[in-house]
Amino acid sequence: MLLETGAIAPDFALQNSEGNTVRLSDFAGKRVVLYFYPRDNTPGCTRQACAFAGAYEDFRTLDVVVIGVSKDSVASHQRFAEKYNLPFILLSDPELQAIQAYGVWQEKKNYGKVSMGVVRTTYVIDPEGRIERTFPKVKPDTNAAEILEYLRAQNS
């Protein structure tokens, strides 16, 4: 189950691409865009990450922190971030700590085969640490622009 608007965003402690521990609570008082994606270096996930990278200055202008989470290793994130010059935080969640807490580990069907995996989802977390908006089953190519549009509408 995805988290509902108004729910308290679960805190987590995960390693970033440099191996440092990052907690959601580190960003208390700031708005956070927390996006969950299936895998580094896959076509959709790469397009999504590059779209967030391309819009990164716009997010910074709005004083919004962008964090991407997948179950890939720290080393995989490091290579992914370097290869595509990703300026935002990538967190490694191999134990599915945040992935399960945010309800994005779900049954997926692919070519008739059923398996468990990360359903591409983006959360906007308000400065008080609550879920402000949930964007379920987002499209990799339009996710960053959709989130920016939403944030700009909130700020106007």
N, C-alpha and C. Protein backbone atom coordinates (compact mmCIF):
# COMPACT_ATOMS: atom_id res chain seq x y z
N MET A 1 0.83 -1.19 0.00
CA MET A 1 0.00 0.00 0.00
C MET A 1 0.87 1.25 0.00
N LEU A 2 0.62 2.14 -0.92
CA LEU A 2 1.33 3.41 -0.92
C LEU A 2 0.87 4.25 0.25
N LEU A 3 1.70 5.18 0.67
CA LEU A 3 1.36 6.05 1.79
C LEU A 3 0.36 7.12 1.34
N GLU A 4 -0.53 7.46 2.24
CA GLU A 4 -1.57 8.45 1.95
C GLU A 4 -1.08 9.86 2.23
N THR A 5 -1.68 10.82 1.56
CA THR A 5 -1.41 12.23 1.83
C THR A 5 -1.70 12.50 3.31
N GLY A 6 -0.78 13.23 3.95
CA GLY A 6 -0.95 13.57 5.36
C GLY A 6 -0.27 12.60 6.31
N ALA A 7 0.09 11.41 5.82
CA ALA A 7 0.78 10.44 6.67
C ALA A 7 2.19 10.95 7.00
N ILE A 8 2.70 10.55 8.15
CA ILE A 8 4.07 10.90 8.50
C ILE A 8 5.00 10.05 7.62
N ALA A 9 5.94 10.72 6.96
CA ALA A 9 6.89 10.01 6.09
C ALA A 9 7.85 9.21 6.97
N PRO A 10 7.94 7.89 6.75
CA PRO A 10 8.84 7.08 7.57
C PRO A 10 10.30 7.53 7.42
N ASP A 11 10.98 7.69 8.55
CA ASP A 11 12.41 8.03 8.50
C ASP A 11 13.18 6.79 8.07
N PHE A 12 14.37 6.99 7.56
CA PHE A 12 15.22 5.87 7.17
C PHE A 12 16.66 6.30 7.32
N ALA A 13 17.55 5.33 7.33
CA ALA A 13 18.99 5.58 7.34
C ALA A 13 19.59 4.67 6.28
N LEU A 14 19.94 5.26 5.14
CA LEU A 14 20.48 4.50 4.01
C LEU A 14 21.78 5.13 3.54
N GLN A 15 22.59 4.34 2.85
CA GLN A 15 23.86 4.86 2.35
C GLN A 15 23.70 5.50 0.97
N ASN A 16 24.41 6.63 0.80
CA ASN A 16 24.41 7.30 -0.50
C ASN A 16 25.52 6.72 -1.38
N SER A 17 25.71 7.29 -2.55
CA SER A 17 26.68 6.75 -3.50
C SER A 17 28.12 6.89 -3.03
N GLU A 18 28.36 7.67 -1.97
CA GLU A 18 29.71 7.77 -1.38
C GLU A 18 29.85 6.87 -0.15
N GLY A 19 28.77 6.16 0.21
CA GLY A 19 28.83 5.28 1.37
C GLY A 19 28.51 5.98 2.69
N ASN A 20 28.06 7.24 2.63
CA ASN A 20 27.68 7.97 3.84
C ASN A 20 26.21 7.71 4.17
N THR A 21 25.89 7.66 5.46
CA THR A 21 24.51 7.44 5.88
C THR A 21 23.70 8.72 5.75
N VAL A 22 22.56 8.62 5.12
CA VAL A 22 21.65 9.74 4.94
C VAL A 22 20.31 9.35 5.56
N ARG A 23 19.75 10.26 6.33
CA ARG A 23 18.43 10.04 6.93
C ARG A 23 17.45 11.05 6.36
N LEU A 24 16.20 10.65 6.25
CA LEU A 24 15.18 11.61 5.83
C LEU A 24 15.15 12.77 6.81
N SER A 25 15.30 12.46 8.10
CA SER A 25 15.25 13.50 9.15
C SER A 25 16.36 14.54 9.00
N ASP A 26 17.41 14.23 8.23
CA ASP A 26 18.48 15.22 7.97
C ASP A 26 17.91 16.44 7.25
N PHE A 27 16.77 16.28 6.60
CA PHE A 27 16.21 17.35 5.77
C PHE A 27 14.96 17.97 6.39
N ALA A 28 14.79 17.81 7.71
CA ALA A 28 13.65 18.41 8.40
C ALA A 28 13.63 19.90 8.10
N GLY A 29 12.44 20.44 7.82
CA GLY A 29 12.31 21.86 7.50
C GLY A 29 12.43 22.15 6.02
N LYS A 30 12.74 21.11 5.22
CA LYS A 30 12.83 21.27 3.77
C LYS A 30 11.82 20.37 3.09
N ARG A 31 11.45 20.76 1.89
CA ARG A 31 10.62 19.88 1.08
C ARG A 31 11.52 18.87 0.39
N VAL A 32 11.06 17.63 0.33
CA VAL A 32 11.87 16.55 -0.27
C VAL A 32 11.05 15.85 -1.36
N VAL A 33 11.68 15.66 -2.51
CA VAL A 33 11.12 14.81 -3.56
C VAL A 33 11.85 13.48 -3.43
N LEU A 34 11.11 12.45 -3.04
CA LEU A 34 11.67 11.12 -2.82
C LEU A 34 11.12 10.21 -3.90
N TYR A 35 12.01 9.80 -4.81
CA TYR A 35 11.50 8.94 -5.89
C TYR A 35 12.15 7.57 -5.84
N PHE A 36 11.30 6.57 -6.00
CA PHE A 36 11.73 5.17 -5.97
C PHE A 36 11.72 4.63 -7.39
N TYR A 37 12.80 3.95 -7.76
CA TYR A 37 12.90 3.41 -9.11
C TYR A 37 13.48 2.00 -9.07
N PRO A 38 13.20 1.19 -10.10
CA PRO A 38 13.61 -0.22 -10.06
C PRO A 38 15.11 -0.49 -10.10
N ARG A 39 15.85 0.11 -11.07
CA ARG A 39 17.25 -0.31 -11.22
C ARG A 39 18.11 0.70 -11.95
N ASP A 40 19.34 0.88 -11.46
CA ASP A 40 20.32 1.73 -12.14
C ASP A 40 20.59 1.19 -13.55
N ASN A 41 20.89 2.11 -14.46
CA ASN A 41 21.36 1.77 -15.81
C ASN A 41 20.38 0.98 -16.66
N THR A 42 19.09 1.02 -16.33
CA THR A 42 18.09 0.45 -17.23
C THR A 42 17.51 1.63 -18.01
N PRO A 43 16.95 1.39 -19.19
CA PRO A 43 16.54 2.53 -20.03
C PRO A 43 15.59 3.51 -19.34
N GLY A 44 14.50 3.02 -18.74
CA GLY A 44 13.53 3.91 -18.11
C GLY A 44 14.12 4.64 -16.92
N CYS A 45 14.86 3.93 -16.09
CA CYS A 45 15.43 4.53 -14.88
C CYS A 45 16.50 5.56 -15.24
N THR A 46 17.24 5.30 -16.30
CA THR A 46 18.25 6.26 -16.74
C THR A 46 17.58 7.52 -17.27
N ARG A 47 16.51 7.38 -18.05
CA ARG A 47 15.79 8.56 -18.56
C ARG A 47 15.20 9.37 -17.41
N GLN A 48 14.65 8.65 -16.42
CA GLN A 48 14.05 9.34 -15.28
C GLN A 48 15.14 10.11 -14.51
N ALA A 49 16.25 9.47 -14.23
CA ALA A 49 17.34 10.11 -13.48
C ALA A 49 17.89 11.31 -14.26
N CYS A 50 18.06 11.16 -15.56
CA CYS A 50 18.58 12.26 -16.38
C CYS A 50 17.60 13.43 -16.43
N ALA A 51 16.31 13.14 -16.40
CA ALA A 51 15.30 14.20 -16.38
C ALA A 51 15.38 14.97 -15.05
N PHE A 52 15.56 14.25 -13.94
CA PHE A 52 15.73 14.92 -12.65
C PHE A 52 17.03 15.73 -12.64
N ALA A 53 18.08 15.18 -13.24
CA ALA A 53 19.35 15.91 -13.31
C ALA A 53 19.19 17.18 -14.14
N GLY A 54 18.48 17.08 -15.25
CA GLY A 54 18.26 18.24 -16.12
C GLY A 54 17.46 19.34 -15.45
N ALA A 55 16.59 18.95 -14.52
CA ALA A 55 15.73 19.92 -13.83
C ALA A 55 16.28 20.28 -12.44
N TYR A 56 17.47 19.77 -12.12
CA TYR A 56 18.00 19.91 -10.77
C TYR A 56 18.09 21.36 -10.30
N GLU A 57 18.56 22.25 -11.15
CA GLU A 57 18.67 23.66 -10.75
C GLU A 57 17.31 24.26 -10.42
N ASP A 58 16.28 23.84 -11.16
CA ASP A 58 14.92 24.31 -10.86
C ASP A 58 14.47 23.83 -9.48
N PHE A 59 14.80 22.59 -9.14
CA PHE A 59 14.46 22.08 -7.81
C PHE A 59 15.23 22.86 -6.74
N ARG A 60 16.51 23.13 -7.01
CA ARG A 60 17.32 23.89 -6.04
C ARG A 60 16.76 25.29 -5.84
N THR A 61 16.34 25.92 -6.93
CA THR A 61 15.75 27.26 -6.85
C THR A 61 14.53 27.25 -5.93
N LEU A 62 13.78 26.16 -5.97
CA LEU A 62 12.59 26.02 -5.11
C LEU A 62 12.96 25.52 -3.70
N ASP A 63 14.27 25.33 -3.45
CA ASP A 63 14.77 24.83 -2.17
C ASP A 63 14.21 23.44 -1.85
N VAL A 64 14.21 22.58 -2.87
CA VAL A 64 13.69 21.22 -2.73
C VAL A 64 14.85 20.22 -2.87
N VAL A 65 14.89 19.26 -1.98
CA VAL A 65 15.90 18.20 -2.01
C VAL A 65 15.37 17.05 -2.86
N VAL A 66 16.18 16.54 -3.79
CA VAL A 66 15.79 15.40 -4.63
C VAL A 66 16.60 14.18 -4.19
N ILE A 67 15.88 13.08 -3.93
CA ILE A 67 16.52 11.83 -3.51
C ILE A 67 15.93 10.69 -4.33
N GLY A 68 16.80 9.90 -4.96
CA GLY A 68 16.39 8.70 -5.68
C GLY A 68 16.76 7.48 -4.85
N VAL A 69 15.87 6.49 -4.79
CA VAL A 69 16.12 5.27 -4.00
C VAL A 69 15.85 4.04 -4.86
N SER A 70 16.80 3.10 -4.83
CA SER A 70 16.58 1.78 -5.42
C SER A 70 17.31 0.77 -4.55
N LYS A 71 17.15 -0.51 -4.88
CA LYS A 71 17.83 -1.52 -4.08
C LYS A 71 19.23 -1.84 -4.60
N ASP A 72 19.70 -1.05 -5.57
CA ASP A 72 21.07 -1.24 -6.07
C ASP A 72 22.10 -0.96 -4.98
N SER A 73 23.30 -1.48 -5.19
CA SER A 73 24.39 -1.29 -4.23
C SER A 73 24.94 0.14 -4.28
N VAL A 74 25.68 0.50 -3.26
CA VAL A 74 26.36 1.79 -3.20
C VAL A 74 27.28 1.93 -4.43
N ALA A 75 28.03 0.87 -4.75
CA ALA A 75 28.96 0.91 -5.89
C ALA A 75 28.20 1.13 -7.20
N SER A 76 27.06 0.48 -7.36
CA SER A 76 26.24 0.66 -8.56
C SER A 76 25.77 2.12 -8.66
N HIS A 77 25.30 2.67 -7.54
CA HIS A 77 24.86 4.07 -7.53
C HIS A 77 26.01 5.01 -7.88
N GLN A 78 27.18 4.71 -7.37
CA GLN A 78 28.34 5.56 -7.64
C GLN A 78 28.63 5.58 -9.14
N ARG A 79 28.65 4.41 -9.76
CA ARG A 79 28.90 4.33 -11.21
C ARG A 79 27.79 5.03 -11.99
N PHE A 80 26.54 4.82 -11.59
CA PHE A 80 25.38 5.42 -12.26
C PHE A 80 25.45 6.95 -12.17
N ALA A 81 25.73 7.46 -10.98
CA ALA A 81 25.82 8.91 -10.77
C ALA A 81 26.96 9.52 -11.58
N GLU A 82 28.10 8.83 -11.62
CA GLU A 82 29.26 9.34 -12.37
C GLU A 82 29.00 9.31 -13.88
N LYS A 83 28.44 8.22 -14.35
CA LYS A 83 28.20 8.04 -15.78
C LYS A 83 27.27 9.11 -16.34
N TYR A 84 26.25 9.49 -15.56
CA TYR A 84 25.24 10.44 -16.06
C TYR A 84 25.28 11.80 -15.36
N ASN A 85 26.37 12.06 -14.60
CA ASN A 85 26.52 13.34 -13.88
C ASN A 85 25.28 13.69 -13.08
N LEU A 86 24.83 12.77 -12.25
CA LEU A 86 23.62 12.99 -11.46
C LEU A 86 23.99 13.81 -10.22
N PRO A 87 23.41 15.01 -10.08
CA PRO A 87 23.81 15.91 -9.00
C PRO A 87 23.04 15.71 -7.69
N PHE A 88 22.04 14.85 -7.71
CA PHE A 88 21.20 14.67 -6.52
C PHE A 88 21.59 13.40 -5.78
N ILE A 89 20.97 13.18 -4.64
CA ILE A 89 21.30 12.05 -3.76
C ILE A 89 20.68 10.76 -4.29
N LEU A 90 21.50 9.71 -4.37
CA LEU A 90 21.00 8.37 -4.68
C LEU A 90 21.24 7.52 -3.44
N LEU A 91 20.22 6.83 -2.99
CA LEU A 91 20.35 6.00 -1.80
C LEU A 91 20.17 4.52 -2.14
N SER A 92 21.01 3.71 -1.50
CA SER A 92 21.01 2.27 -1.70
C SER A 92 20.16 1.61 -0.61
N ASP A 93 19.19 0.81 -1.03
CA ASP A 93 18.27 0.16 -0.08
C ASP A 93 18.17 -1.34 -0.36
N PRO A 94 19.31 -2.07 -0.25
CA PRO A 94 19.27 -3.51 -0.57
C PRO A 94 18.41 -4.33 0.38
N GLU A 95 18.22 -3.84 1.60
CA GLU A 95 17.39 -4.56 2.58
C GLU A 95 15.91 -4.16 2.46
N LEU A 96 15.59 -3.27 1.52
CA LEU A 96 14.22 -2.81 1.26
C LEU A 96 13.61 -2.06 2.45
N GLN A 97 14.45 -1.44 3.27
CA GLN A 97 13.98 -0.72 4.47
C GLN A 97 12.99 0.38 4.09
N ALA A 98 13.42 1.33 3.27
CA ALA A 98 12.54 2.43 2.85
C ALA A 98 11.56 1.96 1.79
N ILE A 99 12.02 1.10 0.90
CA ILE A 99 11.17 0.62 -0.20
C ILE A 99 9.89 -0.02 0.35
N GLN A 100 10.02 -0.83 1.40
CA GLN A 100 8.83 -1.44 1.99
C GLN A 100 8.05 -0.45 2.85
N ALA A 101 8.76 0.41 3.60
CA ALA A 101 8.10 1.39 4.47
C ALA A 101 7.21 2.34 3.65
N TYR A 102 7.63 2.63 2.41
CA TYR A 102 6.87 3.54 1.54
C TYR A 102 5.90 2.79 0.62
N GLY A 103 5.81 1.48 0.78
CA GLY A 103 4.80 0.69 0.07
C GLY A 103 5.04 0.51 -1.41
N VAL A 104 6.28 0.66 -1.86
CA VAL A 104 6.54 0.57 -3.30
C VAL A 104 7.06 -0.81 -3.74
N TRP A 105 7.22 -1.75 -2.80
CA TRP A 105 7.61 -3.13 -3.13
C TRP A 105 6.32 -3.89 -3.38
N GLN A 106 6.02 -4.13 -4.63
CA GLN A 106 4.73 -4.71 -4.99
C GLN A 106 4.89 -5.77 -6.06
N GLU A 107 3.80 -6.50 -6.23
CA GLU A 107 3.75 -7.51 -7.29
C GLU A 107 3.69 -6.79 -8.63
N LYS A 108 4.53 -7.25 -9.55
CA LYS A 108 4.54 -6.65 -10.90
C LYS A 108 4.35 -7.77 -11.91
N LYS A 109 3.70 -7.42 -13.00
CA LYS A 109 3.53 -8.39 -14.09
C LYS A 109 4.31 -7.87 -15.29
N ASN A 110 5.14 -8.74 -15.84
CA ASN A 110 5.93 -8.38 -17.00
C ASN A 110 5.91 -9.54 -17.98
N TYR A 111 5.31 -9.32 -19.12
CA TYR A 111 5.19 -10.38 -20.14
C TYR A 111 4.56 -11.65 -19.55
N GLY A 112 3.53 -11.47 -18.71
CA GLY A 112 2.83 -12.60 -18.13
C GLY A 112 3.50 -13.20 -16.90
N LYS A 113 4.73 -12.78 -16.62
CA LYS A 113 5.46 -13.30 -15.46
C LYS A 113 5.21 -12.38 -14.27
N VAL A 114 4.90 -12.97 -13.13
CA VAL A 114 4.64 -12.19 -11.91
C VAL A 114 5.86 -12.26 -11.00
N SER A 115 6.30 -11.09 -10.55
CA SER A 115 7.43 -11.05 -9.61
C SER A 115 7.26 -9.83 -8.71
N MET A 116 8.06 -9.79 -7.65
CA MET A 116 8.04 -8.64 -6.75
C MET A 116 9.10 -7.66 -7.23
N GLY A 117 8.77 -6.37 -7.11
CA GLY A 117 9.74 -5.36 -7.51
C GLY A 117 9.28 -3.98 -7.09
N VAL A 118 10.12 -3.00 -7.38
CA VAL A 118 9.82 -1.61 -7.04
C VAL A 118 8.89 -1.03 -8.10
N VAL A 119 7.76 -0.51 -7.64
CA VAL A 119 6.84 0.19 -8.53
C VAL A 119 7.27 1.66 -8.53
N ARG A 120 7.58 2.17 -9.71
CA ARG A 120 8.10 3.53 -9.85
C ARG A 120 7.09 4.54 -9.25
N THR A 121 7.50 5.16 -8.15
CA THR A 121 6.61 6.05 -7.38
C THR A 121 7.41 7.24 -6.88
N THR A 122 6.79 8.41 -6.84
CA THR A 122 7.44 9.60 -6.30
C THR A 122 6.57 10.22 -5.22
N TYR A 123 7.21 10.56 -4.12
CA TYR A 123 6.53 11.25 -3.02
C TYR A 123 7.10 12.65 -2.88
N VAL A 124 6.21 13.61 -2.60
CA VAL A 124 6.65 14.94 -2.18
C VAL A 124 6.38 14.98 -0.67
N ILE A 125 7.44 15.27 0.09
CA ILE A 125 7.35 15.32 1.55
C ILE A 125 7.47 16.77 1.98
N ASP A 126 6.54 17.21 2.81
CA ASP A 126 6.54 18.62 3.22
C ASP A 126 7.60 18.89 4.29
N PRO A 127 7.86 20.17 4.60
CA PRO A 127 8.91 20.50 5.58
C PRO A 127 8.67 19.94 6.99
N GLU A 128 7.42 19.58 7.29
CA GLU A 128 7.12 18.97 8.60
C GLU A 128 7.28 17.45 8.58
N GLY A 129 7.67 16.89 7.44
CA GLY A 129 7.91 15.45 7.37
C GLY A 129 6.67 14.62 7.09
N ARG A 130 5.67 15.23 6.47
CA ARG A 130 4.45 14.50 6.10
C ARG A 130 4.38 14.33 4.59
N ILE A 131 3.65 13.30 4.16
CA ILE A 131 3.44 13.08 2.74
C ILE A 131 2.51 14.19 2.24
N GLU A 132 3.03 15.00 1.35
CA GLU A 132 2.25 16.10 0.78
C GLU A 132 1.48 15.63 -0.44
N ARG A 133 2.14 14.78 -1.23
CA ARG A 133 1.51 14.29 -2.46
C ARG A 133 2.20 13.00 -2.88
N THR A 134 1.42 12.06 -3.37
CA THR A 134 1.95 10.80 -3.90
C THR A 134 1.70 10.76 -5.40
N PHE A 135 2.73 10.42 -6.14
CA PHE A 135 2.62 10.25 -7.59
C PHE A 135 2.88 8.77 -7.88
N PRO A 136 1.81 7.96 -8.01
CA PRO A 136 1.99 6.52 -8.24
C PRO A 136 2.25 6.21 -9.72
N LYS A 137 2.94 5.10 -9.94
CA LYS A 137 3.18 4.59 -11.30
C LYS A 137 3.56 5.69 -12.29
N VAL A 138 4.57 6.47 -11.91
CA VAL A 138 4.98 7.59 -12.74
C VAL A 138 5.68 7.13 -14.02
N LYS A 139 5.66 7.98 -15.01
CA LYS A 139 6.35 7.71 -16.27
C LYS A 139 7.76 8.31 -16.19
N PRO A 140 8.78 7.54 -16.57
CA PRO A 140 10.16 8.02 -16.43
C PRO A 140 10.43 9.35 -17.15
N ASP A 141 9.83 9.52 -18.33
CA ASP A 141 10.16 10.68 -19.14
C ASP A 141 9.51 11.97 -18.65
N THR A 142 8.38 11.87 -17.95
CA THR A 142 7.65 13.07 -17.56
C THR A 142 7.63 13.32 -16.06
N ASN A 143 8.17 12.40 -15.26
CA ASN A 143 8.09 12.49 -13.81
C ASN A 143 8.68 13.79 -13.25
N ALA A 144 9.91 14.13 -13.62
CA ALA A 144 10.56 15.33 -13.08
C ALA A 144 9.76 16.58 -13.43
N ALA A 145 9.31 16.70 -14.67
CA ALA A 145 8.55 17.88 -15.11
C ALA A 145 7.21 17.96 -14.38
N GLU A 146 6.58 16.81 -14.18
CA GLU A 146 5.29 16.75 -13.48
C GLU A 146 5.44 17.23 -12.02
N ILE A 147 6.51 16.80 -11.37
CA ILE A 147 6.77 17.19 -9.99
C ILE A 147 7.06 18.69 -9.91
N LEU A 148 7.89 19.18 -10.84
CA LEU A 148 8.20 20.62 -10.86
C LEU A 148 6.96 21.46 -11.06
N GLU A 149 6.12 21.02 -11.97
CA GLU A 149 4.86 21.74 -12.24
C GLU A 149 4.00 21.80 -10.96
N TYR A 150 3.91 20.67 -10.27
CA TYR A 150 3.15 20.62 -9.02
C TYR A 150 3.76 21.57 -7.98
N LEU A 151 5.09 21.54 -7.81
CA LEU A 151 5.75 22.38 -6.80
C LEU A 151 5.58 23.86 -7.11
N ARG A 152 5.71 24.20 -8.39
CA ARG A 152 5.56 25.61 -8.79
C ARG A 152 4.13 26.10 -8.50
N ALA A 153 3.15 25.25 -8.75
CA ALA A 153 1.74 25.60 -8.49
C ALA A 153 1.52 25.83 -6.99
N GLN A 154 2.22 25.05 -6.15
CA GLN A 154 2.09 25.19 -4.69
C GLN A 154 2.73 26.49 -4.20
N ASN A 155 3.79 26.91 -4.89
CA ASN A 155 4.54 28.10 -4.47
C ASN A 155 3.94 29.40 -5.00
N SER A 156 3.01 29.32 -5.94
CA SER A 156 2.50 30.55 -6.54
C SER A 156 1.32 31.11 -5.76
